[in-house]
PDB file of N, CA and C in Angstrom:
ATOM      1  N   MET A   1      16.656   0.714 -14.379  1.00  0.00           N
ATOM      2  CA  MET A   1      16.232   2.062 -14.742  1.00  0.00           C
ATOM      3  C   MET A   1      14.715   2.130 -14.662  1.00  0.00           C
ATOM      4  N   CYS A   2      14.186   3.164 -14.074  1.00  0.00           N
ATOM      5  CA  CYS A   2      12.737   3.372 -14.080  1.00  0.00           C
ATOM      6  C   CYS A   2      12.459   4.672 -14.826  1.00  0.00           C
ATOM      7  N   ASP A   3      11.465   4.622 -15.682  1.00  0.00           N
ATOM      8  CA  ASP A   3      11.050   5.796 -16.446  1.00  0.00           C
ATOM      9  C   ASP A   3       9.675   6.204 -15.959  1.00  0.00           C
ATOM     10  N   LEU A   4       9.452   7.493 -15.855  1.00  0.00           N
ATOM     11  CA  LEU A   4       8.175   8.001 -15.371  1.00  0.00           C
ATOM     12  C   LEU A   4       7.543   8.894 -16.419  1.00  0.00           C
ATOM     13  N   SER A   5       6.261   8.656 -16.683  1.00  0.00           N
ATOM     14  CA  SER A   5       5.502   9.571 -17.532  1.00  0.00           C
ATOM     15  C   SER A   5       4.155   9.818 -16.864  1.00  0.00           C
ATOM     16  N   LEU A   6       3.674  11.036 -16.994  1.00  0.00           N
ATOM     17  CA  LEU A   6       2.368  11.424 -16.467  1.00  0.00           C
ATOM     18  C   LEU A   6       1.542  11.929 -17.628  1.00  0.00           C
ATOM     19  N   ASP A   7       0.366  11.357 -17.795  1.00  0.00           N
ATOM     20  CA  ASP A   7      -0.516  11.723 -18.901  1.00  0.00           C
ATOM     21  C   ASP A   7       0.200  11.634 -20.244  1.00  0.00           C
ATOM     22  N   GLY A   8       1.073  10.633 -20.379  1.00  0.00           N
ATOM     23  CA  GLY A   8       1.765  10.402 -21.635  1.00  0.00           C
ATOM     24  C   GLY A   8       2.964  11.298 -21.885  1.00  0.00           C
ATOM     25  N   VAL A   9       3.311  12.158 -20.934  1.00  0.00           N
ATOM     26  CA  VAL A   9       4.449  13.066 -21.092  1.00  0.00           C
ATOM     27  C   VAL A   9       5.598  12.552 -20.231  1.00  0.00           C
ATOM     28  N   ALA A  10       6.749  12.301 -20.867  1.00  0.00           N
ATOM     29  CA  ALA A  10       7.916  11.806 -20.143  1.00  0.00           C
ATOM     30  C   ALA A  10       8.355  12.836 -19.101  1.00  0.00           C
ATOM     31  N   GLN A  11       8.570  12.378 -17.875  1.00  0.00           N
ATOM     32  CA  GLN A  11       8.978  13.258 -16.783  1.00  0.00           C
ATOM     33  C   GLN A  11      10.422  13.031 -16.368  1.00  0.00           C
ATOM     34  N   GLY A  12      10.987  11.902 -16.743  1.00  0.00           N
ATOM     35  CA  GLY A  12      12.367  11.609 -16.360  1.00  0.00           C
ATOM     36  C   GLY A  12      12.523  10.153 -15.996  1.00  0.00           C
ATOM     37  N   GLY A  13      13.588   9.864 -15.313  1.00  0.00           N
ATOM     38  CA  GLY A  13      13.860   8.496 -14.918  1.00  0.00           C
ATOM     39  C   GLY A  13      14.819   8.474 -13.750  1.00  0.00           C
ATOM     40  N   CYS A  14      15.072   7.295 -13.253  1.00  0.00           N
ATOM     41  CA  CYS A  14      16.028   7.141 -12.165  1.00  0.00           C
ATOM     42  C   CYS A  14      16.636   5.749 -12.262  1.00  0.00           C
ATOM     43  N   SER A  15      17.832   5.634 -11.737  1.00  0.00           N
ATOM     44  CA  SER A  15      18.407   4.299 -11.681  1.00  0.00           C
ATOM     45  C   SER A  15      17.899   3.647 -10.400  1.00  0.00           C
ATOM     46  N   PHE A  16      17.666   2.374 -10.487  1.00  0.00           N
ATOM     47  CA  PHE A  16      17.078   1.673  -9.345  1.00  0.00           C
ATOM     48  C   PHE A  16      17.511   0.219  -9.386  1.00  0.00           C
ATOM     49  N   ASP A  17      18.009  -0.281  -8.293  1.00  0.00           N
ATOM     50  CA  ASP A  17      18.413  -1.684  -8.187  1.00  0.00           C
ATOM     51  C   ASP A  17      17.407  -2.422  -7.321  1.00  0.00           C
ATOM     52  N   TRP A  18      16.688  -3.353  -7.935  1.00  0.00           N
ATOM     53  CA  TRP A  18      15.695  -4.158  -7.225  1.00  0.00           C
ATOM     54  C   TRP A  18      16.428  -5.224  -6.423  1.00  0.00           C
ATOM     55  N   ASP A  19      16.184  -5.304  -5.137  1.00  0.00           N
ATOM     56  CA  ASP A  19      16.809  -6.297  -4.270  1.00  0.00           C
ATOM     57  C   ASP A  19      15.892  -7.511  -4.197  1.00  0.00           C
ATOM     58  N   VAL A  20      16.237  -8.581  -4.922  1.00  0.00           N
ATOM     59  CA  VAL A  20      15.384  -9.771  -4.947  1.00  0.00           C
ATOM     60  C   VAL A  20      15.311 -10.438  -3.583  1.00  0.00           C
ATOM     61  N   ALA A  21      16.286 -10.185  -2.730  1.00  0.00           N
ATOM     62  CA  ALA A  21      16.262 -10.766  -1.388  1.00  0.00           C
ATOM     63  C   ALA A  21      15.281 -10.040  -0.473  1.00  0.00           C
ATOM     64  N   ASP A  22      14.923  -8.805  -0.815  1.00  0.00           N
ATOM     65  CA  ASP A  22      14.003  -8.016   0.011  1.00  0.00           C
ATOM     66  C   ASP A  22      13.074  -7.202  -0.894  1.00  0.00           C
ATOM     67  N   PRO A  23      12.149  -7.876  -1.588  1.00  0.00           N
ATOM     68  CA  PRO A  23      11.292  -7.166  -2.540  1.00  0.00           C
ATOM     69  C   PRO A  23      10.378  -6.137  -1.888  1.00  0.00           C
ATOM     70  N   GLU A  24       9.984  -6.357  -0.643  1.00  0.00           N
ATOM     71  CA  GLU A  24       9.114  -5.393   0.038  1.00  0.00           C
ATOM     72  C   GLU A  24       9.840  -4.072   0.236  1.00  0.00           C
ATOM     73  N   ALA A  25      11.071  -4.137   0.722  1.00  0.00           N
ATOM     74  CA  ALA A  25      11.850  -2.915   0.920  1.00  0.00           C
ATOM     75  C   ALA A  25      12.135  -2.237  -0.416  1.00  0.00           C
ATOM     76  N   SER A  26      12.351  -3.027  -1.465  1.00  0.00           N
ATOM     77  CA  SER A  26      12.586  -2.459  -2.791  1.00  0.00           C
ATOM     78  C   SER A  26      11.358  -1.709  -3.290  1.00  0.00           C
ATOM     79  N   LEU A  27      10.165  -2.266  -3.101  1.00  0.00           N
ATOM     80  CA  LEU A  27       8.938  -1.605  -3.532  1.00  0.00           C
ATOM     81  C   LEU A  27       8.726  -0.305  -2.772  1.00  0.00           C
ATOM     82  N   VAL A  28       8.970  -0.316  -1.473  1.00  0.00           N
ATOM     83  CA  VAL A  28       8.834   0.892  -0.652  1.00  0.00           C
ATOM     84  C   VAL A  28       9.837   1.950  -1.124  1.00  0.00           C
ATOM     85  N   ASP A  29      11.070   1.552  -1.396  1.00  0.00           N
ATOM     86  CA  ASP A  29      12.091   2.481  -1.863  1.00  0.00           C
ATOM     87  C   ASP A  29      11.694   3.087  -3.208  1.00  0.00           C
ATOM     88  N   LEU A  30      11.206   2.261  -4.128  1.00  0.00           N
ATOM     89  CA  LEU A  30      10.778   2.761  -5.431  1.00  0.00           C
ATOM     90  C   LEU A  30       9.608   3.729  -5.292  1.00  0.00           C
ATOM     91  N   ALA A  31       8.622   3.380  -4.474  1.00  0.00           N
ATOM     92  CA  ALA A  31       7.466   4.263  -4.260  1.00  0.00           C
ATOM     93  C   ALA A  31       7.916   5.599  -3.677  1.00  0.00           C
ATOM     94  N   ASP A  32       8.830   5.576  -2.708  1.00  0.00           N
ATOM     95  CA  ASP A  32       9.353   6.818  -2.125  1.00  0.00           C
ATOM     96  C   ASP A  32      10.053   7.667  -3.174  1.00  0.00           C
ATOM     97  N   ARG A  33      10.884   7.038  -3.997  1.00  0.00           N
ATOM     98  CA  ARG A  33      11.615   7.787  -5.032  1.00  0.00           C
ATOM     99  C   ARG A  33      10.649   8.445  -6.013  1.00  0.00           C
ATOM    100  N   LEU A  34       9.640   7.698  -6.444  1.00  0.00           N
ATOM    101  CA  LEU A  34       8.677   8.251  -7.397  1.00  0.00           C
ATOM    102  C   LEU A  34       7.879   9.398  -6.781  1.00  0.00           C
ATOM    103  N   CYS A  35       7.426   9.222  -5.542  1.00  0.00           N
ATOM    104  CA  CYS A  35       6.652  10.279  -4.879  1.00  0.00           C
ATOM    105  C   CYS A  35       7.508  11.519  -4.657  1.00  0.00           C
ATOM    106  N   GLU A  36       8.674  11.351  -4.069  1.00  0.00           N
ATOM    107  CA  GLU A  36       9.526  12.495  -3.746  1.00  0.00           C
ATOM    108  C   GLU A  36      10.094  13.160  -4.990  1.00  0.00           C
ATOM    109  N   GLY A  37      10.453  12.365  -5.985  1.00  0.00           N
ATOM    110  CA  GLY A  37      11.096  12.921  -7.162  1.00  0.00           C
ATOM    111  C   GLY A  37      10.150  13.569  -8.148  1.00  0.00           C
ATOM    112  N   TRP A  38       8.904  13.090  -8.223  1.00  0.00           N
ATOM    113  CA  TRP A  38       8.005  13.600  -9.258  1.00  0.00           C
ATOM    114  C   TRP A  38       6.591  13.873  -8.773  1.00  0.00           C
ATOM    115  N   LEU A  39       5.969  12.905  -8.155  1.00  0.00           N
ATOM    116  CA  LEU A  39       4.538  13.029  -7.892  1.00  0.00           C
ATOM    117  C   LEU A  39       4.195  14.166  -6.954  1.00  0.00           C
ATOM    118  N   HIS A  40       4.983  14.393  -5.924  1.00  0.00           N
ATOM    119  CA  HIS A  40       4.658  15.478  -4.996  1.00  0.00           C
ATOM    120  C   HIS A  40       4.773  16.836  -5.674  1.00  0.00           C
ATOM    121  N   GLU A  41       5.598  16.947  -6.717  1.00  0.00           N
ATOM    122  CA  GLU A  41       5.727  18.196  -7.460  1.00  0.00           C
ATOM    123  C   GLU A  41       4.614  18.346  -8.501  1.00  0.00           C
ATOM    124  N   GLU A  42       4.209  17.240  -9.112  1.00  0.00           N
ATOM    125  CA  GLU A  42       3.225  17.265 -10.182  1.00  0.00           C
ATOM    126  C   GLU A  42       1.790  17.305  -9.673  1.00  0.00           C
ATOM    127  N   VAL A  43       1.546  16.682  -8.537  1.00  0.00           N
ATOM    128  CA  VAL A  43       0.202  16.614  -7.969  1.00  0.00           C
ATOM    129  C   VAL A  43       0.207  17.504  -6.722  1.00  0.00           C
ATOM    130  N   TRP A  44      -0.403  18.674  -6.826  1.00  0.00           N
ATOM    131  CA  TRP A  44      -0.356  19.644  -5.742  1.00  0.00           C
ATOM    132  C   TRP A  44      -0.822  19.014  -4.437  1.00  0.00           C
ATOM    133  N   GLY A  45      -0.057  19.207  -3.393  1.00  0.00           N
ATOM    134  CA  GLY A  45      -0.423  18.721  -2.080  1.00  0.00           C
ATOM    135  C   GLY A  45       0.092  17.340  -1.763  1.00  0.00           C
ATOM    136  N   GLY A  46       0.729  16.701  -2.717  1.00  0.00           N
ATOM    137  CA  GLY A  46       1.277  15.373  -2.475  1.00  0.00           C
ATOM    138  C   GLY A  46       0.373  14.268  -2.973  1.00  0.00           C
ATOM    139  N   TRP A  47       0.932  13.102  -3.053  1.00  0.00           N
ATOM    140  CA  TRP A  47       0.206  11.913  -3.477  1.00  0.00           C
ATOM    141  C   TRP A  47       0.896  10.705  -2.880  1.00  0.00           C
ATOM    142  N   PRO A  48       0.158   9.745  -2.417  1.00  0.00           N
ATOM    143  CA  PRO A  48      -1.299   9.692  -2.309  1.00  0.00           C
ATOM    144  C   PRO A  48      -1.772  10.381  -1.036  1.00  0.00           C
ATOM    145  N   MET A  49      -3.024  10.779  -1.051  1.00  0.00           N
ATOM    146  CA  MET A  49      -3.631  11.393   0.124  1.00  0.00           C
ATOM    147  C   MET A  49      -4.463  10.335   0.840  1.00  0.00           C
ATOM    148  N   CYS A  50      -4.552  10.450   2.149  1.00  0.00           N
ATOM    149  CA  CYS A  50      -5.295   9.486   2.955  1.00  0.00           C
ATOM    150  C   CYS A  50      -6.800   9.642   2.717  1.00  0.00           C
ATOM    151  N   PRO A  51      -7.503   8.553   2.430  1.00  0.00           N
ATOM    152  CA  PRO A  51      -8.957   8.647   2.260  1.00  0.00           C
ATOM    153  C   PRO A  51      -9.677   9.123   3.530  1.00  0.00           C
ATOM    154  N   ASN A  52      -9.112   8.845   4.704  1.00  0.00           N
ATOM    155  CA  ASN A  52      -9.740   9.241   5.968  1.00  0.00           C
ATOM    156  C   ASN A  52      -9.303  10.622   6.451  1.00  0.00           C
ATOM    157  N   HIS A  53      -8.192  11.114   5.919  1.00  0.00           N
ATOM    158  CA  HIS A  53      -7.667  12.446   6.260  1.00  0.00           C
ATOM    159  C   HIS A  53      -7.251  13.107   4.947  1.00  0.00           C
ATOM    160  N   PRO A  54      -8.196  13.628   4.174  1.00  0.00           N
ATOM    161  CA  PRO A  54      -7.920  14.067   2.805  1.00  0.00           C
ATOM    162  C   PRO A  54      -6.900  15.189   2.648  1.00  0.00           C
ATOM    163  N   THR A  55      -6.497  15.824   3.732  1.00  0.00           N
ATOM    164  CA  THR A  55      -5.467  16.858   3.616  1.00  0.00           C
ATOM    165  C   THR A  55      -4.095  16.333   4.039  1.00  0.00           C
ATOM    166  N   ARG A  56      -4.011  15.053   4.333  1.00  0.00           N
ATOM    167  CA  ARG A  56      -2.750  14.477   4.823  1.00  0.00           C
ATOM    168  C   ARG A  56      -2.223  13.424   3.852  1.00  0.00           C
ATOM    169  N   PRO A  57      -0.962  13.548   3.457  1.00  0.00           N
ATOM    170  CA  PRO A  57      -0.393  12.554   2.549  1.00  0.00           C
ATOM    171  C   PRO A  57      -0.061  11.248   3.266  1.00  0.00           C
ATOM    172  N   MET A  58       0.129  10.222   2.465  1.00  0.00           N
ATOM    173  CA  MET A  58       0.534   8.909   2.971  1.00  0.00           C
ATOM    174  C   MET A  58       1.968   8.658   2.510  1.00  0.00           C
ATOM    175  N   TRP A  59       2.662   7.768   3.188  1.00  0.00           N
ATOM    176  CA  TRP A  59       4.008   7.410   2.786  1.00  0.00           C
ATOM    177  C   TRP A  59       4.111   5.892   2.697  1.00  0.00           C
ATOM    178  N   ALA A  60       5.048   5.435   1.874  1.00  0.00           N
ATOM    179  CA  ALA A  60       5.260   4.004   1.686  1.00  0.00           C
ATOM    180  C   ALA A  60       6.046   3.446   2.863  1.00  0.00           C
ATOM    181  N   ASP A  61       5.668   2.233   3.269  1.00  0.00           N
ATOM    182  CA  ASP A  61       6.326   1.593   4.405  1.00  0.00           C
ATOM    183  C   ASP A  61       6.113   0.094   4.301  1.00  0.00           C
ATOM    184  N   VAL A  62       6.874  -0.653   5.072  1.00  0.00           N
ATOM    185  CA  VAL A  62       6.640  -2.088   5.216  1.00  0.00           C
ATOM    186  C   VAL A  62       5.921  -2.253   6.546  1.00  0.00           C
ATOM    187  N   GLY A  63       4.697  -2.770   6.479  1.00  0.00           N
ATOM    188  CA  GLY A  63       3.875  -2.920   7.670  1.00  0.00           C
ATOM    189  C   GLY A  63       3.981  -4.313   8.269  1.00  0.00           C
ATOM    190  N   GLU A  64       3.035  -4.615   9.135  1.00  0.00           N
ATOM    191  CA  GLU A  64       3.004  -5.918   9.800  1.00  0.00           C
ATOM    192  C   GLU A  64       2.942  -7.043   8.778  1.00  0.00           C
ATOM    193  N   GLY A  65       3.642  -8.094   9.061  1.00  0.00           N
ATOM    194  CA  GLY A  65       3.630  -9.260   8.180  1.00  0.00           C
ATOM    195  C   GLY A  65       4.346  -9.043   6.865  1.00  0.00           C
ATOM    196  N   GLY A  66       5.148  -7.963   6.771  1.00  0.00           N
ATOM    197  CA  GLY A  66       5.894  -7.700   5.557  1.00  0.00           C
ATOM    198  C   GLY A  66       5.076  -7.108   4.431  1.00  0.00           C
ATOM    199  N   ARG A  67       3.833  -6.655   4.733  1.00  0.00           N
ATOM    200  CA  ARG A  67       3.005  -6.033   3.700  1.00  0.00           C
ATOM    201  C   ARG A  67       3.571  -4.661   3.349  1.00  0.00           C
ATOM    202  N   THR A  68       3.563  -4.339   2.056  1.00  0.00           N
ATOM    203  CA  THR A  68       3.950  -2.994   1.636  1.00  0.00           C
ATOM    204  C   THR A  68       2.696  -2.137   1.673  1.00  0.00           C
ATOM    205  N   ILE A  69       2.770  -1.018   2.377  1.00  0.00           N
ATOM    206  CA  ILE A  69       1.580  -0.206   2.640  1.00  0.00           C
ATOM    207  C   ILE A  69       1.832   1.268   2.367  1.00  0.00           C
ATOM    208  N   TRP A  70       0.720   1.984   2.155  1.00  0.00           N
ATOM    209  CA  TRP A  70       0.691   3.430   2.269  1.00  0.00           C
ATOM    210  C   TRP A  70       0.167   3.705   3.670  1.00  0.00           C
ATOM    211  N   ALA A  71       0.924   4.444   4.484  1.00  0.00           N
ATOM    212  CA  ALA A  71       0.516   4.765   5.853  1.00  0.00           C
ATOM    213  C   ALA A  71       0.238   6.260   5.945  1.00  0.00           C
ATOM    214  N   CYS A  72      -0.816   6.620   6.635  1.00  0.00           N
ATOM    215  CA  CYS A  72      -1.209   8.024   6.798  1.00  0.00           C
ATOM    216  C   CYS A  72      -0.269   8.709   7.780  1.00  0.00           C
ATOM    217  N   GLU A  73       0.159   9.942   7.431  1.00  0.00           N
ATOM    218  CA  GLU A  73       1.038  10.670   8.351  1.00  0.00           C
ATOM    219  C   GLU A  73       0.277  11.127   9.588  1.00  0.00           C
ATOM    220  N   ALA A  74      -1.049  11.299   9.501  1.00  0.00           N
ATOM    221  CA  ALA A  74      -1.847  11.719  10.650  1.00  0.00           C
ATOM    222  C   ALA A  74      -2.133  10.556  11.592  1.00  0.00           C
ATOM    223  N   ASP A  75      -2.378   9.372  11.036  1.00  0.00           N
ATOM    224  CA  ASP A  75      -2.683   8.191  11.835  1.00  0.00           C
ATOM    225  C   ASP A  75      -2.154   6.954  11.116  1.00  0.00           C
ATOM    226  N   PRO A  76      -0.972   6.481  11.488  1.00  0.00           N
ATOM    227  CA  PRO A  76      -0.374   5.329  10.816  1.00  0.00           C
ATOM    228  C   PRO A  76      -1.261   4.081  10.816  1.00  0.00           C
ATOM    229  N   ALA A  77      -2.277   4.064  11.681  1.00  0.00           N
ATOM    230  CA  ALA A  77      -3.202   2.923  11.673  1.00  0.00           C
ATOM    231  C   ALA A  77      -4.059   2.928  10.404  1.00  0.00           C
ATOM    232  N   ASP A  78      -4.187   4.093   9.757  1.00  0.00           N
ATOM    233  CA  ASP A  78      -4.888   4.181   8.477  1.00  0.00           C
ATOM    234  C   ASP A  78      -3.907   3.768   7.391  1.00  0.00           C
ATOM    235  N   ALA A  79      -3.804   2.481   7.175  1.00  0.00           N
ATOM    236  CA  ALA A  79      -2.849   1.942   6.212  1.00  0.00           C
ATOM    237  C   ALA A  79      -3.598   1.174   5.127  1.00  0.00           C
ATOM    238  N   ILE A  80      -3.107   1.326   3.896  1.00  0.00           N
ATOM    239  CA  ILE A  80      -3.694   0.648   2.748  1.00  0.00           C
ATOM    240  C   ILE A  80      -2.565  -0.027   1.992  1.00  0.00           C
ATOM    241  N   GLU A  81      -2.745  -1.287   1.654  1.00  0.00           N
ATOM    242  CA  GLU A  81      -1.719  -2.002   0.934  1.00  0.00           C
ATOM    243  C   GLU A  81      -1.423  -1.316  -0.398  1.00  0.00           C
ATOM    244  N   ILE A  82      -0.142  -1.200  -0.746  1.00  0.00           N
ATOM    245  CA  ILE A  82       0.235  -0.610  -2.027  1.00  0.00           C
ATOM    246  C   ILE A  82      -0.416  -1.423  -3.142  1.00  0.00           C
ATOM    247  N   GLY A  83      -1.053  -0.728  -4.053  1.00  0.00           N
ATOM    248  CA  GLY A  83      -1.778  -1.372  -5.146  1.00  0.00           C
ATOM    249  C   GLY A  83      -3.271  -1.492  -4.879  1.00  0.00           C
ATOM    250  N   GLN A  84      -3.708  -1.176  -3.656  1.00  0.00           N
ATOM    251  CA  GLN A  84      -5.121  -1.294  -3.293  1.00  0.00           C
ATOM    252  C   GLN A  84      -5.761   0.056  -2.968  1.00  0.00           C
ATOM    253  N   LEU A  85      -5.089   1.140  -3.267  1.00  0.00           N
ATOM    254  CA  LEU A  85      -5.615   2.457  -2.908  1.00  0.00           C
ATOM    255  C   LEU A  85      -6.837   2.832  -3.721  1.00  0.00           C
ATOM    256  N   GLY A  86      -6.890   2.393  -4.961  1.00  0.00           N
ATOM    257  CA  GLY A  86      -8.079   2.635  -5.762  1.00  0.00           C
ATOM    258  C   GLY A  86      -8.214   4.020  -6.329  1.00  0.00           C
ATOM    259  N   VAL A  87      -7.109   4.729  -6.518  1.00  0.00           N
ATOM    260  CA  VAL A  87      -7.173   6.070  -7.131  1.00  0.00           C
ATOM    261  C   VAL A  87      -6.452   6.063  -8.446  1.00  0.00           C
TER     262      VAL A  87
END
C-alpha cells in the first residue's frame, strides 16, 4: 500500500506490489501511478517539468544500463535519474 500526502494533507493511497526481481520497473511503475493519480492534478501543468524545456513534463522510464530516469517528452535525451531532479 502506498499513501500520498501533499503539504501534510492526505490525498489517498493505492495498492502496489513491489517486484523484487525487477526493482527498476517497480520504481517506474510507482512513479507513474503517483504522477498520473495525484501529482498532475495537484500541480498545475504536470510534474516533474524538464529543466531544459520548462513547459514540457517528464515521464518515468528505465534508461540505459537499467537506470530509472525522468525523460523529457520534448527530448528524451534530456534525462535525469529519479531522485536527482533537485526540486
